[in-house]
Structure formats: C-alpha cells, structure tokens
Protein backbone atom coordinates (compact mmCIF):
# COMPACT_ATOMS: atom_id res chain seq x y z
CA MET A 1 0.00 0.00 0.00
CA PRO A 2 1.58 3.27 -1.05
CA GLU A 3 2.16 5.88 1.61
CA ARG A 4 0.24 9.13 1.42
CA SER A 5 1.90 12.45 1.61
CA GLY A 6 1.11 14.83 4.46
CA GLN A 7 -1.12 17.04 2.33
CA ARG A 8 -4.68 16.35 1.40
CA PRO A 9 -5.94 17.13 -2.04
CA SER A 10 -7.86 20.38 -1.81
CA ARG A 11 -11.46 20.42 -2.90
CA ALA A 12 -13.03 23.39 -4.53
CA ARG A 13 -15.87 24.62 -2.39
CA GLN A 14 -19.06 25.23 -4.26
CA PRO A 15 -21.26 28.12 -3.09
CA GLY A 16 -24.44 26.04 -3.07
CA ALA A 17 -23.00 23.18 -1.05
CA ARG A 18 -23.06 24.95 2.32
CA ARG A 19 -25.15 23.61 5.11
CA THR A 20 -28.07 25.74 6.01
CA THR A 21 -29.53 25.86 9.46
CA ARG A 22 -32.95 24.36 9.60
CA GLN A 23 -35.52 26.72 10.96
CA THR A 24 -38.41 25.22 12.80
CA ARG A 25 -41.76 26.85 12.41
CA ALA A 26 -42.49 28.25 15.80
CA GLY A 27 -45.65 30.24 15.97
CA PRO A 28 -46.43 32.87 18.50
CA PRO A 29 -46.43 31.74 22.12
CA ARG A 30 -49.65 30.07 23.03
CA ASN A 31 -51.62 32.07 25.49
CA GLY A 32 -55.07 30.77 26.13
CA ARG A 33 -57.04 28.77 28.57
CA GLY A 34 -57.49 25.79 26.23
CA VAL A 35 -53.77 25.21 25.76
CA GLY A 36 -53.23 23.20 28.95
CA ILE A 37 -56.35 21.13 28.39
CA ARG A 38 -55.40 20.56 24.75
CA ASP A 39 -51.98 19.20 25.71
CA ARG A 40 -53.44 17.03 28.46
CA LEU A 41 -56.04 15.55 26.09
CA ARG A 42 -53.32 14.72 23.55
CA ARG A 43 -50.99 13.11 26.07
CA ASP A 44 -53.52 11.30 28.25
CA PRO A 45 -55.95 9.06 26.35
CA PHE A 46 -57.59 7.97 29.61
CA LEU A 47 -58.61 11.56 30.37
CA PHE A 48 -59.99 11.94 26.86
CA VAL A 49 -62.06 8.75 27.10
CA LEU A 50 -63.21 9.66 30.61
CA SER A 51 -64.40 13.09 29.45
CA LEU A 52 -66.09 11.59 26.41
CA GLY A 53 -67.76 8.92 28.55
CA ALA A 54 -69.07 11.53 30.99
CA LEU A 55 -70.55 13.53 28.13
CA ALA A 56 -72.09 10.36 26.67
CA PHE A 57 -73.69 9.55 30.03
CA ILE A 58 -75.13 13.07 30.34
CA THR A 59 -76.51 12.89 26.80
CA TRP A 60 -78.02 9.47 27.47
CA ALA A 61 -79.59 10.65 30.73
CA PHE A 62 -81.25 13.66 29.07
CA ALA A 63 -82.37 11.55 26.09
CA LEU A 64 -83.93 8.96 28.42
CA THR A 65 -85.65 11.72 30.39
CA TRP A 66 -87.03 13.12 27.15
CA TRP A 67 -88.20 9.65 26.08
CA VAL A 68 -90.05 9.12 29.36
CA THR A 69 -91.51 12.58 29.86
CA GLY A 70 -91.75 13.86 26.31
CA GLY A 71 -90.69 17.36 27.35
CA MET A 72 -88.84 19.74 25.09
CA ILE A 73 -86.28 20.86 27.68
CA PRO A 74 -84.67 17.41 28.15
CA LEU A 75 -84.51 17.04 24.36
CA ALA A 76 -82.83 20.42 24.00
CA LEU A 77 -80.37 19.57 26.75
CA ALA A 78 -79.61 16.19 25.18
CA LEU A 79 -78.91 17.81 21.83
CA ALA A 80 -76.88 20.60 23.44
CA SER A 81 -74.76 18.11 25.35
CA VAL A 82 -73.50 16.62 22.06
CA ALA A 83 -71.66 19.85 21.15
CA PRO A 84 -68.98 19.54 23.89
CA ALA A 85 -68.07 16.10 22.55
CA PHE A 86 -67.25 17.61 19.17
CA PHE A 87 -65.33 20.35 20.98
CA LEU A 88 -63.26 17.68 22.77
CA PHE A 89 -62.29 16.15 19.44
CA TYR A 90 -61.44 19.61 18.15
CA LEU A 91 -59.22 20.32 21.15
CA ARG A 92 -57.44 17.01 20.86
CA ASP A 93 -56.81 17.12 17.12
CA ALA A 94 -56.01 20.80 16.70
C-alpha cells in the first residue's frame, strides 16, 4: 500500500454546497385557557375517554328523560350536550 503524503488534495468549495440551518416553524407563544387542556387531552388518552364517557352519560340521561316525559327541555339539553363532545375532538386534534 503506497504511503500518502502529508497534504490532502484540496477540494473546490461550491457556493451552493453549504449547510443551512434548519428553521423550525415556531408560531407565536400560546396564550389561552385551552392550551393546557389541549396538551393534556393529547398526552392522556384515559382523560380523553373519561371526558367523552361523561358527556355520553349526560346525553343518554337527558335523552332517556325526554323519552319518558316527552318534554322539550330534556330534548334540548340532550342535543346541546353533544356539542362539547365535538369540541373535545377539536381540542385534541387541533
């Protein structure tokens, strides 16, 4: 194996071959009351299922009350209690 000399062959540096620093897209700091809940719902699936189950029970209870009594207020409350479930999915997936 032939011995190498002490000098390395010099390479011509091309202007486009430089490394660029990768900038992460960091938005403005999150300030809001839903931020802590949003992070908890993403990290803790048990909390998400527990919240969803509580909302399902409330909806079922109002729907059953409406079925038995036939009143409009339990029906309205049953329908209104579905909206927070969609809001939970929005908070978790946003």
